[in-house]
Every structure is written in C-alpha cells, then in structure tokens.
Amino acid sequence: SFRALSGRLFKCGEWAHEYELFDSDDLWSEHAYLLAGDNGRTFVWIGQDFEGCDFEDDESCQLFAQQAAADHRRFEGAGTSGRGAPVPGVLKFEREYEEDEEFWDYFAWG
C-alpha cells in the first residue's frame, strides 16, 4: 500500500507560516519553498520566475537552497516549541518542471 511521505511546507522567508495541507497548486512560480521531510530530507523548490537566485544556474540554486535551509533552522531553533530543526541529512534543490519523483511523494494531496 502506498503511503505518502510526511513533510512540512514553508514559503522561503515566511517561516512562521506553515502550510497545513498542501498540494502542487500551492507552489507559485515567483516564489521558493522549503519542504522539510520527516526522514531527514530537505527540499528547496525554486519557481522559474523566482528572483532570489539564477534559476538556470546550479551553483546559484544550491547556494540559495543552503541559505534557505540555514535560515529555516535558525527560525525553528529560536521557537519555543522545542521542535528545533536538525541539520538536514540531505538537502536538494528542485527546479519547477524538473522535480524528482521523490519530491512529489510528500504531496499527499497531489
């Protein structure tokens, strides 16, 4: 039986707002999003119209993803919930329209 992986979705830079239920319609081309998977994987999805990095350049995307993950960890660590975000075991960036199947496995609602 197929079970979608569990994750938490945030728009990059808006760490206080966690999407409760999310699907692919929540990913807008002009933004970037961080998906914190429950298995130590972190994905940073980068929309084709996002202006925070050069969408076509691997190094630019990777540096943005690293910075976003670090910012998210800092925010989570500063919270009082005690749910401090660990350093991700795996950090990947995903470009819009080039996503890995594994990324979509976290989208239980399609």
PDB file of N, CA and C in Angstrom:
ATOM      1  N   SER A   1       0.845  -1.195   0.000  1.00  0.00           N
ATOM      2  CA  SER A   1       0.000   0.000   0.000  1.00  0.00           C
ATOM      3  C   SER A   1       0.877   1.240   0.000  1.00  0.00           C
ATOM      4  N   PHE A   2       0.520   2.175  -0.843  1.00  0.00           N
ATOM      5  CA  PHE A   2       1.300   3.397  -0.979  1.00  0.00           C
ATOM      6  C   PHE A   2       0.993   4.351   0.166  1.00  0.00           C
ATOM      7  N   ARG A   3       2.036   4.897   0.758  1.00  0.00           N
ATOM      8  CA  ARG A   3       1.855   5.899   1.799  1.00  0.00           C
ATOM      9  C   ARG A   3       2.699   7.102   1.426  1.00  0.00           C
ATOM     10  N   ALA A   4       2.056   8.239   1.332  1.00  0.00           N
ATOM     11  CA  ALA A   4       2.806   9.450   1.024  1.00  0.00           C
ATOM     12  C   ALA A   4       3.735   9.760   2.188  1.00  0.00           C
ATOM     13  N   LEU A   5       4.899  10.251   1.880  1.00  0.00           N
ATOM     14  CA  LEU A   5       5.822  10.677   2.921  1.00  0.00           C
ATOM     15  C   LEU A   5       5.276  11.941   3.580  1.00  0.00           C
ATOM     16  N   SER A   6       5.675  12.155   4.794  1.00  0.00           N
ATOM     17  CA  SER A   6       5.178  13.304   5.549  1.00  0.00           C
ATOM     18  C   SER A   6       6.224  14.413   5.535  1.00  0.00           C
ATOM     19  N   GLY A   7       5.761  15.627   5.339  1.00  0.00           N
ATOM     20  CA  GLY A   7       6.671  16.762   5.333  1.00  0.00           C
ATOM     21  C   GLY A   7       5.957  18.034   5.730  1.00  0.00           C
ATOM     22  N   ARG A   8       6.734  19.078   5.941  1.00  0.00           N
ATOM     23  CA  ARG A   8       6.208  20.385   6.324  1.00  0.00           C
ATOM     24  C   ARG A   8       6.653  21.393   5.269  1.00  0.00           C
ATOM     25  N   LEU A   9       5.702  22.177   4.759  1.00  0.00           N
ATOM     26  CA  LEU A   9       5.981  23.107   3.666  1.00  0.00           C
ATOM     27  C   LEU A   9       5.929  24.549   4.154  1.00  0.00           C
ATOM     28  N   PHE A  10       6.939  25.333   3.754  1.00  0.00           N
ATOM     29  CA  PHE A  10       7.034  26.748   4.088  1.00  0.00           C
ATOM     30  C   PHE A  10       7.417  27.533   2.841  1.00  0.00           C
ATOM     31  N   LYS A  11       6.885  28.739   2.695  1.00  0.00           N
ATOM     32  CA  LYS A  11       7.400  29.645   1.673  1.00  0.00           C
ATOM     33  C   LYS A  11       8.698  30.228   2.212  1.00  0.00           C
ATOM     34  N   CYS A  12       9.748  30.227   1.413  1.00  0.00           N
ATOM     35  CA  CYS A  12      11.042  30.728   1.880  1.00  0.00           C
ATOM     36  C   CYS A  12      10.911  32.175   2.340  1.00  0.00           C
ATOM     37  N   GLY A  13      11.420  32.430   3.543  1.00  0.00           N
ATOM     38  CA  GLY A  13      11.370  33.756   4.129  1.00  0.00           C
ATOM     39  C   GLY A  13      10.143  34.004   4.983  1.00  0.00           C
ATOM     40  N   GLU A  14       9.149  33.129   4.895  1.00  0.00           N
ATOM     41  CA  GLU A  14       7.933  33.267   5.700  1.00  0.00           C
ATOM     42  C   GLU A  14       7.814  32.045   6.610  1.00  0.00           C
ATOM     43  N   TRP A  15       8.812  31.900   7.485  1.00  0.00           N
ATOM     44  CA  TRP A  15       8.961  30.667   8.258  1.00  0.00           C
ATOM     45  C   TRP A  15       7.855  30.464   9.281  1.00  0.00           C
ATOM     46  N   ALA A  16       7.173  31.529   9.692  1.00  0.00           N
ATOM     47  CA  ALA A  16       6.128  31.386  10.706  1.00  0.00           C
ATOM     48  C   ALA A  16       4.857  30.770  10.129  1.00  0.00           C
ATOM     49  N   HIS A  17       4.726  30.777   8.807  1.00  0.00           N
ATOM     50  CA  HIS A  17       3.510  30.256   8.171  1.00  0.00           C
ATOM     51  C   HIS A  17       3.791  28.879   7.580  1.00  0.00           C
ATOM     52  N   GLU A  18       3.273  27.866   8.260  1.00  0.00           N
ATOM     53  CA  GLU A  18       3.395  26.507   7.732  1.00  0.00           C
ATOM     54  C   GLU A  18       2.096  26.142   7.033  1.00  0.00           C
ATOM     55  N   TYR A  19       2.196  25.603   5.836  1.00  0.00           N
ATOM     56  CA  TYR A  19       1.006  25.155   5.111  1.00  0.00           C
ATOM     57  C   TYR A  19       0.441  23.923   5.817  1.00  0.00           C
ATOM     58  N   GLU A  20      -0.838  23.952   6.142  1.00  0.00           N
ATOM     59  CA  GLU A  20      -1.449  22.834   6.863  1.00  0.00           C
ATOM     60  C   GLU A  20      -1.610  21.626   5.947  1.00  0.00           C
ATOM     61  N   LEU A  21      -2.361  21.778   4.895  1.00  0.00           N
ATOM     62  CA  LEU A  21      -2.479  20.751   3.860  1.00  0.00           C
ATOM     63  C   LEU A  21      -1.974  21.409   2.589  1.00  0.00           C
ATOM     64  N   PHE A  22      -1.130  20.737   1.867  1.00  0.00           N
ATOM     65  CA  PHE A  22      -0.575  21.387   0.680  1.00  0.00           C
ATOM     66  C   PHE A  22      -0.602  20.449  -0.508  1.00  0.00           C
ATOM     67  N   ASP A  23      -0.692  21.063  -1.673  1.00  0.00           N
ATOM     68  CA  ASP A  23      -0.590  20.307  -2.913  1.00  0.00           C
ATOM     69  C   ASP A  23       0.191  21.133  -3.917  1.00  0.00           C
ATOM     70  N   SER A  24       0.321  20.631  -5.128  1.00  0.00           N
ATOM     71  CA  SER A  24       1.158  21.296  -6.114  1.00  0.00           C
ATOM     72  C   SER A  24       0.636  22.694  -6.467  1.00  0.00           C
ATOM     73  N   ASP A  25      -0.661  22.942  -6.245  1.00  0.00           N
ATOM     74  CA  ASP A  25      -1.212  24.271  -6.539  1.00  0.00           C
ATOM     75  C   ASP A  25      -0.668  25.345  -5.606  1.00  0.00           C
ATOM     76  N   ASP A  26      -0.091  24.946  -4.476  1.00  0.00           N
ATOM     77  CA  ASP A  26       0.469  25.917  -3.532  1.00  0.00           C
ATOM     78  C   ASP A  26       1.830  26.437  -3.980  1.00  0.00           C
ATOM     79  N   LEU A  27       2.445  25.802  -4.957  1.00  0.00           N
ATOM     80  CA  LEU A  27       3.770  26.201  -5.428  1.00  0.00           C
ATOM     81  C   LEU A  27       3.617  27.215  -6.560  1.00  0.00           C
ATOM     82  N   TRP A  28       3.960  28.453  -6.290  1.00  0.00           N
ATOM     83  CA  TRP A  28       3.829  29.522  -7.284  1.00  0.00           C
ATOM     84  C   TRP A  28       5.184  29.826  -7.900  1.00  0.00           C
ATOM     85  N   SER A  29       5.198  30.069  -9.198  1.00  0.00           N
ATOM     86  CA  SER A  29       6.439  30.238  -9.953  1.00  0.00           C
ATOM     87  C   SER A  29       7.314  31.386  -9.459  1.00  0.00           C
ATOM     88  N   GLU A  30       6.703  32.406  -8.865  1.00  0.00           N
ATOM     89  CA  GLU A  30       7.502  33.563  -8.447  1.00  0.00           C
ATOM     90  C   GLU A  30       8.078  33.416  -7.042  1.00  0.00           C
ATOM     91  N   HIS A  31       7.912  32.252  -6.430  1.00  0.00           N
ATOM     92  CA  HIS A  31       8.395  32.037  -5.062  1.00  0.00           C
ATOM     93  C   HIS A  31       9.310  30.818  -4.998  1.00  0.00           C
ATOM     94  N   ALA A  32       9.911  30.655  -3.825  1.00  0.00           N
ATOM     95  CA  ALA A  32      10.657  29.448  -3.491  1.00  0.00           C
ATOM     96  C   ALA A  32      10.074  28.908  -2.193  1.00  0.00           C
ATOM     97  N   TYR A  33      10.127  27.592  -2.036  1.00  0.00           N
ATOM     98  CA  TYR A  33       9.524  26.933  -0.881  1.00  0.00           C
ATOM     99  C   TYR A  33      10.498  25.917  -0.305  1.00  0.00           C
ATOM    100  N   LEU A  34      10.400  25.725   1.009  1.00  0.00           N
ATOM    101  CA  LEU A  34      11.200  24.710   1.677  1.00  0.00           C
ATOM    102  C   LEU A  34      10.271  23.610   2.158  1.00  0.00           C
ATOM    103  N   LEU A  35      10.603  22.376   1.802  1.00  0.00           N
ATOM    104  CA  LEU A  35       9.856  21.206   2.241  1.00  0.00           C
ATOM    105  C   LEU A  35      10.761  20.405   3.167  1.00  0.00           C
ATOM    106  N   ALA A  36      10.391  20.368   4.446  1.00  0.00           N
ATOM    107  CA  ALA A  36      11.168  19.625   5.446  1.00  0.00           C
ATOM    108  C   ALA A  36      10.537  18.250   5.593  1.00  0.00           C
ATOM    109  N   GLY A  37      11.201  17.236   5.074  1.00  0.00           N
ATOM    110  CA  GLY A  37      10.672  15.881   5.138  1.00  0.00           C
ATOM    111  C   GLY A  37      10.890  15.262   6.500  1.00  0.00           C
ATOM    112  N   ASP A  38      10.040  14.299   6.838  1.00  0.00           N
ATOM    113  CA  ASP A  38      10.147  13.661   8.149  1.00  0.00           C
ATOM    114  C   ASP A  38      11.265  12.624   8.195  1.00  0.00           C
ATOM    115  N   ASN A  39      11.965  12.437   7.099  1.00  0.00           N
ATOM    116  CA  ASN A  39      13.021  11.419   7.043  1.00  0.00           C
ATOM    117  C   ASN A  39      14.403  12.057   6.877  1.00  0.00           C
ATOM    118  N   GLY A  40      14.548  13.307   7.322  1.00  0.00           N
ATOM    119  CA  GLY A  40      15.855  13.961   7.261  1.00  0.00           C
ATOM    120  C   GLY A  40      16.174  14.587   5.915  1.00  0.00           C
ATOM    121  N   ARG A  41      15.221  14.558   5.003  1.00  0.00           N
ATOM    122  CA  ARG A  41      15.444  15.184   3.703  1.00  0.00           C
ATOM    123  C   ARG A  41      14.801  16.558   3.673  1.00  0.00           C
ATOM    124  N   THR A  42      15.528  17.508   3.106  1.00  0.00           N
ATOM    125  CA  THR A  42      15.003  18.857   2.938  1.00  0.00           C
ATOM    126  C   THR A  42      15.123  19.227   1.465  1.00  0.00           C
ATOM    127  N   PHE A  43      14.029  19.737   0.929  1.00  0.00           N
ATOM    128  CA  PHE A  43      13.996  20.174  -0.466  1.00  0.00           C
ATOM    129  C   PHE A  43      13.716  21.668  -0.498  1.00  0.00           C
ATOM    130  N   VAL A  44      14.396  22.369  -1.364  1.00  0.00           N
ATOM    131  CA  VAL A  44      14.061  23.765  -1.641  1.00  0.00           C
ATOM    132  C   VAL A  44      13.621  23.811  -3.098  1.00  0.00           C
ATOM    133  N   TRP A  45      12.337  24.119  -3.281  1.00  0.00           N
ATOM    134  CA  TRP A  45      11.738  24.192  -4.612  1.00  0.00           C
ATOM    135  C   TRP A  45      11.847  25.631  -5.102  1.00  0.00           C
ATOM    136  N   ILE A  46      12.343  25.803  -6.320  1.00  0.00           N
ATOM    137  CA  ILE A  46      12.587  27.133  -6.868  1.00  0.00           C
ATOM    138  C   ILE A  46      11.733  27.320  -8.118  1.00  0.00           C
ATOM    139  N   GLY A  47      10.842  28.297  -8.066  1.00  0.00           N
ATOM    140  CA  GLY A  47       9.980  28.596  -9.199  1.00  0.00           C
ATOM    141  C   GLY A  47      10.751  29.284 -10.315  1.00  0.00           C
ATOM    142  N   GLN A  48      10.294  29.080 -11.534  1.00  0.00           N
ATOM    143  CA  GLN A  48      11.035  29.611 -12.691  1.00  0.00           C
ATOM    144  C   GLN A  48      11.066  31.136 -12.723  1.00  0.00           C
ATOM    145  N   ASP A  49      10.119  31.807 -12.047  1.00  0.00           N
ATOM    146  CA  ASP A  49      10.088  33.271 -12.026  1.00  0.00           C
ATOM    147  C   ASP A  49      10.610  33.848 -10.718  1.00  0.00           C
ATOM    148  N   PHE A  50      11.178  32.994  -9.863  1.00  0.00           N
ATOM    149  CA  PHE A  50      11.724  33.453  -8.584  1.00  0.00           C
ATOM    150  C   PHE A  50      12.974  34.295  -8.836  1.00  0.00           C
ATOM    151  N   GLU A  51      13.071  35.432  -8.150  1.00  0.00           N
ATOM    152  CA  GLU A  51      14.178  36.358  -8.411  1.00  0.00           C
ATOM    153  C   GLU A  51      15.291  36.289  -7.366  1.00  0.00           C
ATOM    154  N   GLY A  52      15.202  35.334  -6.430  1.00  0.00           N
ATOM    155  CA  GLY A  52      16.201  35.245  -5.368  1.00  0.00           C
ATOM    156  C   GLY A  52      17.478  34.528  -5.754  1.00  0.00           C
ATOM    157  N   CYS A  53      17.480  33.905  -6.920  1.00  0.00           N
ATOM    158  CA  CYS A  53      18.683  33.248  -7.433  1.00  0.00           C
ATOM    159  C   CYS A  53      18.514  33.082  -8.937  1.00  0.00           C
ATOM    160  N   ASP A  54      19.578  32.672  -9.592  1.00  0.00           N
ATOM    161  CA  ASP A  54      19.546  32.444 -11.033  1.00  0.00           C
ATOM    162  C   ASP A  54      19.002  31.037 -11.295  1.00  0.00           C
ATOM    163  N   PHE A  55      17.772  30.974 -11.753  1.00  0.00           N
ATOM    164  CA  PHE A  55      17.066  29.711 -11.950  1.00  0.00           C
ATOM    165  C   PHE A  55      17.849  28.731 -12.828  1.00  0.00           C
ATOM    166  N   GLU A  56      18.569  29.240 -13.789  1.00  0.00           N
ATOM    167  CA  GLU A  56      19.272  28.372 -14.744  1.00  0.00           C
ATOM    168  C   GLU A  56      20.621  27.874 -14.223  1.00  0.00           C
ATOM    169  N   ASP A  57      21.114  28.468 -13.131  1.00  0.00           N
ATOM    170  CA  ASP A  57      22.482  28.185 -12.667  1.00  0.00           C
ATOM    171  C   ASP A  57      22.464  27.261 -11.448  1.00  0.00           C
ATOM    172  N   ASP A  58      23.057  26.075 -11.584  1.00  0.00           N
ATOM    173  CA  ASP A  58      23.067  25.096 -10.491  1.00  0.00           C
ATOM    174  C   ASP A  58      23.683  25.670  -9.222  1.00  0.00           C
ATOM    175  N   GLU A  59      24.819  26.331  -9.353  1.00  0.00           N
ATOM    176  CA  GLU A  59      25.514  26.841  -8.164  1.00  0.00           C
ATOM    177  C   GLU A  59      24.674  27.900  -7.457  1.00  0.00           C
ATOM    178  N   SER A  60      24.058  28.780  -8.223  1.00  0.00           N
ATOM    179  CA  SER A  60      23.207  29.811  -7.638  1.00  0.00           C
ATOM    180  C   SER A  60      22.031  29.187  -6.893  1.00  0.00           C
ATOM    181  N   CYS A  61      21.404  28.184  -7.488  1.00  0.00           N
ATOM    182  CA  CYS A  61      20.282  27.489  -6.848  1.00  0.00           C
ATOM    183  C   CYS A  61      20.729  26.765  -5.581  1.00  0.00           C
ATOM    184  N   GLN A  62      21.876  26.103  -5.655  1.00  0.00           N
ATOM    185  CA  GLN A  62      22.388  25.362  -4.492  1.00  0.00           C
ATOM    186  C   GLN A  62      22.709  26.306  -3.344  1.00  0.00           C
ATOM    187  N   LEU A  63      23.345  27.437  -3.656  1.00  0.00           N
ATOM    188  CA  LEU A  63      23.674  28.409  -2.600  1.00  0.00           C
ATOM    189  C   LEU A  63      22.405  28.970  -1.978  1.00  0.00           C
ATOM    190  N   PHE A  64      21.399  29.251  -2.800  1.00  0.00           N
ATOM    191  CA  PHE A  64      20.134  29.740  -2.259  1.00  0.00           C
ATOM    192  C   PHE A  64      19.508  28.691  -1.350  1.00  0.00           C
ATOM    193  N   ALA A  65      19.508  27.440  -1.798  1.00  0.00           N
ATOM    194  CA  ALA A  65      18.917  26.357  -1.004  1.00  0.00           C
ATOM    195  C   ALA A  65      19.617  26.217   0.343  1.00  0.00           C
ATOM    196  N   GLN A  66      20.941  26.297   0.345  1.00  0.00           N
ATOM    197  CA  GLN A  66      21.699  26.190   1.597  1.00  0.00           C
ATOM    198  C   GLN A  66      21.351  27.337   2.539  1.00  0.00           C
ATOM    199  N   GLN A  67      21.240  28.538   1.993  1.00  0.00           N
ATOM    200  CA  GLN A  67      20.913  29.700   2.812  1.00  0.00           C
ATOM    201  C   GLN A  67      19.487  29.581   3.371  1.00  0.00           C
ATOM    202  N   ALA A  68      18.552  29.155   2.534  1.00  0.00           N
ATOM    203  CA  ALA A  68      17.165  28.999   2.983  1.00  0.00           C
ATOM    204  C   ALA A  68      17.074  27.957   4.093  1.00  0.00           C
ATOM    205  N   ALA A  69      17.771  26.835   3.932  1.00  0.00           N
ATOM    206  CA  ALA A  69      17.742  25.785   4.951  1.00  0.00           C
ATOM    207  C   ALA A  69      18.345  26.294   6.258  1.00  0.00           C
ATOM    208  N   ALA A  70      19.439  27.061   6.170  1.00  0.00           N
ATOM    209  CA  ALA A  70      20.059  27.619   7.378  1.00  0.00           C
ATOM    210  C   ALA A  70      19.121  28.615   8.058  1.00  0.00           C
ATOM    211  N   ASP A  71      18.462  29.462   7.268  1.00  0.00           N
ATOM    212  CA  ASP A  71      17.513  30.434   7.829  1.00  0.00           C
ATOM    213  C   ASP A  71      16.365  29.714   8.526  1.00  0.00           C
ATOM    214  N   HIS A  72      15.864  28.663   7.891  1.00  0.00           N
ATOM    215  CA  HIS A  72      14.760  27.900   8.475  1.00  0.00           C
ATOM    216  C   HIS A  72      15.183  27.248   9.791  1.00  0.00           C
ATOM    217  N   ARG A  73      16.375  26.664   9.822  1.00  0.00           N
ATOM    218  CA  ARG A  73      16.876  26.045  11.061  1.00  0.00           C
ATOM    219  C   ARG A  73      16.985  27.082  12.172  1.00  0.00           C
ATOM    220  N   ARG A  74      17.490  28.271  11.831  1.00  0.00           N
ATOM    221  CA  ARG A  74      17.607  29.328  12.840  1.00  0.00           C
ATOM    222  C   ARG A  74      16.241  29.706  13.386  1.00  0.00           C
ATOM    223  N   PHE A  75      15.268  29.862  12.491  1.00  0.00           N
ATOM    224  CA  PHE A  75      13.921  30.227  12.920  1.00  0.00           C
ATOM    225  C   PHE A  75      13.333  29.148  13.824  1.00  0.00           C
ATOM    226  N   GLU A  76      13.441  27.899  13.417  1.00  0.00           N
ATOM    227  CA  GLU A  76      12.888  26.790  14.201  1.00  0.00           C
ATOM    228  C   GLU A  76      13.584  26.684  15.552  1.00  0.00           C
ATOM    229  N   GLY A  77      14.889  26.890  15.548  1.00  0.00           N
ATOM    230  CA  GLY A  77      15.646  26.794  16.793  1.00  0.00           C
ATOM    231  C   GLY A  77      15.296  27.905  17.773  1.00  0.00           C
ATOM    232  N   ALA A  78      14.859  29.058  17.243  1.00  0.00           N
ATOM    233  CA  ALA A  78      14.521  30.196  18.095  1.00  0.00           C
ATOM    234  C   ALA A  78      13.118  30.075  18.664  1.00  0.00           C
ATOM    235  N   GLY A  79      12.323  29.155  18.111  1.00  0.00           N
ATOM    236  CA  GLY A  79      10.951  28.989  18.579  1.00  0.00           C
ATOM    237  C   GLY A  79      10.898  28.352  19.950  1.00  0.00           C
ATOM    238  N   THR A  80       9.760  28.443  20.589  1.00  0.00           N
ATOM    239  CA  THR A  80       9.602  27.881  21.930  1.00  0.00           C
ATOM    240  C   THR A  80       8.952  26.503  21.878  1.00  0.00           C
ATOM    241  N   SER A  81       8.731  25.990  20.689  1.00  0.00           N
ATOM    242  CA  SER A  81       8.018  24.714  20.568  1.00  0.00           C
ATOM    243  C   SER A  81       8.905  23.525  20.908  1.00  0.00           C
ATOM    244  N   GLY A  82      10.204  23.744  20.937  1.00  0.00           N
ATOM    245  CA  GLY A  82      11.106  22.628  21.183  1.00  0.00           C
ATOM    246  C   GLY A  82      11.282  21.731  19.974  1.00  0.00           C
ATOM    247  N   ARG A  83      10.778  22.161  18.818  1.00  0.00           N
ATOM    248  CA  ARG A  83      10.884  21.332  17.608  1.00  0.00           C
ATOM    249  C   ARG A  83      12.043  21.796  16.743  1.00  0.00           C
ATOM    250  N   GLY A  84      13.123  22.167  17.357  1.00  0.00           N
ATOM    251  CA  GLY A  84      14.260  22.679  16.597  1.00  0.00           C
ATOM    252  C   GLY A  84      14.550  21.817  15.389  1.00  0.00           C
ATOM    253  N   ALA A  85      14.787  22.463  14.267  1.00  0.00           N
ATOM    254  CA  ALA A  85      15.016  21.707  13.031  1.00  0.00           C
ATOM    255  C   ALA A  85      16.460  21.219  12.996  1.00  0.00           C
ATOM    256  N   PRO A  86      16.663  19.921  12.868  1.00  0.00           N
ATOM    257  CA  PRO A  86      18.028  19.414  12.775  1.00  0.00           C
ATOM    258  C   PRO A  86      18.644  19.774  11.424  1.00  0.00           C
ATOM    259  N   VAL A  87      19.946  19.678  11.379  1.00  0.00           N
ATOM    260  CA  VAL A  87      20.616  19.844  10.096  1.00  0.00           C
ATOM    261  C   VAL A  87      20.096  18.756   9.166  1.00  0.00           C
ATOM    262  N   PRO A  88      19.670  19.124   7.972  1.00  0.00           N
ATOM    263  CA  PRO A  88      19.095  18.097   7.100  1.00  0.00           C
ATOM    264  C   PRO A  88      20.127  17.048   6.725  1.00  0.00           C
ATOM    265  N   GLY A  89      19.664  15.790   6.673  1.00  0.00           N
ATOM    266  CA  GLY A  89      20.556  14.732   6.228  1.00  0.00           C
ATOM    267  C   GLY A  89      20.888  14.892   4.759  1.00  0.00           C
ATOM    268  N   VAL A  90      19.878  15.287   3.996  1.00  0.00           N
ATOM    269  CA  VAL A  90      20.058  15.517   2.570  1.00  0.00           C
ATOM    270  C   VAL A  90      19.347  16.814   2.213  1.00  0.00           C
ATOM    271  N   LEU A  91      20.037  17.689   1.516  1.00  0.00           N
ATOM    272  CA  LEU A  91      19.439  18.934   1.047  1.00  0.00           C
ATOM    273  C   LEU A  91      19.526  18.957  -0.475  1.00  0.00           C
ATOM    274  N   LYS A  92      18.372  19.131  -1.113  1.00  0.00           N
ATOM    275  CA  LYS A  92      18.327  19.178  -2.573  1.00  0.00           C
ATOM    276  C   LYS A  92      17.517  20.385  -3.000  1.00  0.00           C
ATOM    277  N   PHE A  93      17.902  20.972  -4.109  1.00  0.00           N
ATOM    278  CA  PHE A  93      17.020  21.972  -4.700  1.00  0.00           C
ATOM    279  C   PHE A  93      16.282  21.327  -5.858  1.00  0.00           C
ATOM    280  N   GLU A  94      15.053  21.776  -6.052  1.00  0.00           N
ATOM    281  CA  GLU A  94      14.203  21.280  -7.131  1.00  0.00           C
ATOM    282  C   GLU A  94      13.770  22.467  -7.975  1.00  0.00           C
ATOM    283  N   ARG A  95      14.027  22.391  -9.267  1.00  0.00           N
ATOM    284  CA  ARG A  95      13.549  23.442 -10.170  1.00  0.00           C
ATOM    285  C   ARG A  95      12.124  23.125 -10.618  1.00  0.00           C
ATOM    286  N   GLU A  96      11.333  24.168 -10.773  1.00  0.00           N
ATOM    287  CA  GLU A  96       9.987  23.996 -11.299  1.00  0.00           C
ATOM    288  C   GLU A  96      10.052  23.263 -12.637  1.00  0.00           C
ATOM    289  N   TYR A  97       9.194  22.289 -12.822  1.00  0.00           N
ATOM    290  CA  TYR A  97       9.074  21.446 -14.010  1.00  0.00           C
ATOM    291  C   TYR A  97      10.185  20.413 -14.148  1.00  0.00           C
ATOM    292  N   GLU A  98      11.127  20.368 -13.194  1.00  0.00           N
ATOM    293  CA  GLU A  98      12.210  19.380 -13.257  1.00  0.00           C
ATOM    294  C   GLU A  98      12.290  18.565 -11.967  1.00  0.00           C
ATOM    295  N   GLU A  99      11.171  18.478 -11.243  1.00  0.00           N
ATOM    296  CA  GLU A  99      11.191  17.878  -9.924  1.00  0.00           C
ATOM    297  C   GLU A  99      11.414  16.368  -9.993  1.00  0.00           C
ATOM    298  N   ASP A 100      12.098  15.854  -8.980  1.00  0.00           N
ATOM    299  CA  ASP A 100      12.248  14.404  -8.826  1.00  0.00           C
ATOM    300  C   ASP A 100      10.933  13.810  -8.328  1.00  0.00           C
ATOM    301  N   GLU A 101      10.723  12.552  -8.648  1.00  0.00           N
ATOM    302  CA  GLU A 101       9.534  11.852  -8.159  1.00  0.00           C
ATOM    303  C   GLU A 101       9.494  11.859  -6.630  1.00  0.00           C
ATOM    304  N   GLU A 102      10.667  11.724  -6.015  1.00  0.00           N
ATOM    305  CA  GLU A 102      10.726  11.697  -4.548  1.00  0.00           C
ATOM    306  C   GLU A 102      10.132  12.966  -3.936  1.00  0.00           C
ATOM    307  N   PHE A 103      10.371  14.110  -4.566  1.00  0.00           N
ATOM    308  CA  PHE A 103       9.811  15.372  -4.078  1.00  0.00           C
ATOM    309  C   PHE A 103       8.288  15.299  -4.031  1.00  0.00           C
ATOM    310  N   TRP A 104       7.684  14.796  -5.102  1.00  0.00           N
ATOM    311  CA  TRP A 104       6.223  14.727  -5.174  1.00  0.00           C
ATOM    312  C   TRP A 104       5.641  13.713  -4.205  1.00  0.00           C
ATOM    313  N   ASP A 105       6.442  12.765  -3.727  1.00  0.00           N
ATOM    314  CA  ASP A 105       5.940  11.773  -2.771  1.00  0.00           C
ATOM    315  C   ASP A 105       5.469  12.427  -1.478  1.00  0.00           C
ATOM    316  N   TYR A 106       5.911  13.650  -1.201  1.00  0.00           N
ATOM    317  CA  TYR A 106       5.486  14.350   0.016  1.00  0.00           C
ATOM    318  C   TYR A 106       4.143  15.048  -0.158  1.00  0.00           C
ATOM    319  N   PHE A 107       3.660  15.102  -1.383  1.00  0.00           N
ATOM    320  CA  PHE A 107       2.416  15.821  -1.663  1.00  0.00           C
ATOM    321  C   PHE A 107       1.251  14.825  -1.666  1.00  0.00           C
ATOM    322  N   ALA A 108       0.746  14.555  -0.471  1.00  0.00           N
ATOM    323  CA  ALA A 108      -0.304  13.540  -0.310  1.00  0.00           C
ATOM    324  C   ALA A 108      -1.556  13.920  -1.092  1.00  0.00           C
ATOM    325  N   TRP A 109      -1.755  15.214  -1.316  1.00  0.00           N
ATOM    326  CA  TRP A 109      -2.992  15.683  -1.949  1.00  0.00           C
ATOM    327  C   TRP A 109      -2.802  15.916  -3.431  1.00  0.00           C
ATOM    328  N   GLY A 110      -1.654  15.521  -3.970  1.00  0.00           N
ATOM    329  CA  GLY A 110      -1.454  15.625  -5.421  1.00  0.00           C
ATOM    330  C   GLY A 110      -0.835  16.926  -5.877  1.00  0.00           C
TER     331      GLY A 110
END
